[in-house]
Amino acid sequence: MSKRYLVFAGDAAQPSGGWDDFLADLSNLREAVEFARANTADDLAPNWAHVVDQETMKIVAAFRNGTEVTAY
């Protein structure tokens, strides 16, 4: 069974697109948010990430360079 939250991330200059930007699925929103934040926090990591709730199919959190953003 699939977990509820999907994390997508990539480099804004060279996004892979769609499922190619998929990183992980997690059951818990807090864990998904922390995973997304951690995976955009350093210079070698992707510089953006989205957390998608599979039940609503909406982005519930977004990050750029380790900082949560509201516009995505």
Protein backbone atom coordinates (compact mmCIF):
# COMPACT_ATOMS: atom_id res chain seq x y z
CA MET A 1 0.00 0.00 0.00
CA SER A 2 1.21 3.46 -0.86
CA LYS A 3 1.97 5.99 1.84
CA ARG A 4 -0.09 9.17 2.02
CA TYR A 5 2.53 11.89 1.37
CA LEU A 6 4.73 12.09 -1.71
CA VAL A 7 7.88 14.21 -1.86
CA PHE A 8 9.07 15.60 -5.17
CA ALA A 9 12.27 17.65 -5.52
CA GLY A 10 14.65 18.94 -8.13
CA ASP A 11 16.83 21.67 -9.47
CA ALA A 12 14.82 24.65 -10.71
CA ALA A 13 17.29 25.17 -13.56
CA GLN A 14 17.02 21.54 -14.74
CA PRO A 15 13.87 19.83 -13.44
CA SER A 16 13.42 16.24 -14.56
CA GLY A 17 9.66 16.61 -14.53
CA GLY A 18 6.82 14.56 -13.09
CA TRP A 19 7.71 11.21 -11.56
CA ASP A 20 11.38 11.76 -12.39
CA ASP A 21 11.38 14.35 -9.57
CA PHE A 22 9.87 11.85 -7.09
CA LEU A 23 12.04 11.24 -3.99
CA ALA A 24 9.99 9.43 -1.36
CA ASP A 25 6.62 8.49 0.05
CA LEU A 26 5.98 8.84 3.77
CA SER A 27 3.03 8.07 6.04
CA ASN A 28 3.34 11.06 8.35
CA LEU A 29 3.04 14.72 7.28
CA ARG A 30 5.61 15.91 9.81
CA GLU A 31 8.16 13.37 8.54
CA ALA A 32 7.42 14.30 4.92
CA VAL A 33 7.88 18.02 5.66
CA GLU A 34 11.17 17.44 7.49
CA PHE A 35 12.39 15.14 4.69
CA ALA A 36 11.59 17.80 2.08
CA ARG A 37 13.24 20.56 4.12
CA ALA A 38 16.37 18.47 4.72
CA ASN A 39 16.66 17.58 1.05
CA THR A 40 16.73 21.23 -0.04
CA ALA A 41 18.92 22.64 2.74
CA ASP A 42 22.43 22.43 1.28
CA ASP A 43 24.16 23.50 -1.92
CA LEU A 44 24.46 19.96 -3.30
CA ALA A 45 20.78 19.10 -2.75
CA PRO A 46 17.84 19.89 -5.02
CA ASN A 47 16.82 23.52 -4.51
CA TRP A 48 13.05 22.97 -4.43
CA ALA A 49 10.69 20.35 -2.98
CA HIS A 50 6.93 19.78 -2.80
CA VAL A 51 5.01 17.53 -0.43
CA VAL A 52 1.81 16.21 -2.02
CA ASP A 53 -1.10 14.72 -0.05
CA GLN A 54 -2.37 11.75 -2.09
CA GLU A 55 -5.85 11.99 -0.55
CA THR A 56 -6.44 15.57 -1.72
CA MET A 57 -3.89 15.61 -4.58
CA LYS A 58 -2.74 19.03 -3.36
CA ILE A 59 0.68 20.41 -2.46
CA VAL A 60 0.62 20.75 1.33
CA ALA A 61 4.18 22.07 1.79
CA ALA A 62 6.83 23.56 -0.46
CA PHE A 63 10.49 24.46 0.07
CA ARG A 64 13.15 26.41 -1.75
CA ASN A 65 16.72 26.14 -0.48
CA GLY A 66 15.57 24.71 2.86
CA THR A 67 13.02 27.47 3.53
CA GLU A 68 9.28 26.85 3.46
CA VAL A 69 7.49 28.94 0.83
CA THR A 70 3.82 29.68 0.27
CA ALA A 71 3.92 30.51 -3.46
CA TYR A 72 4.46 27.53 -5.72
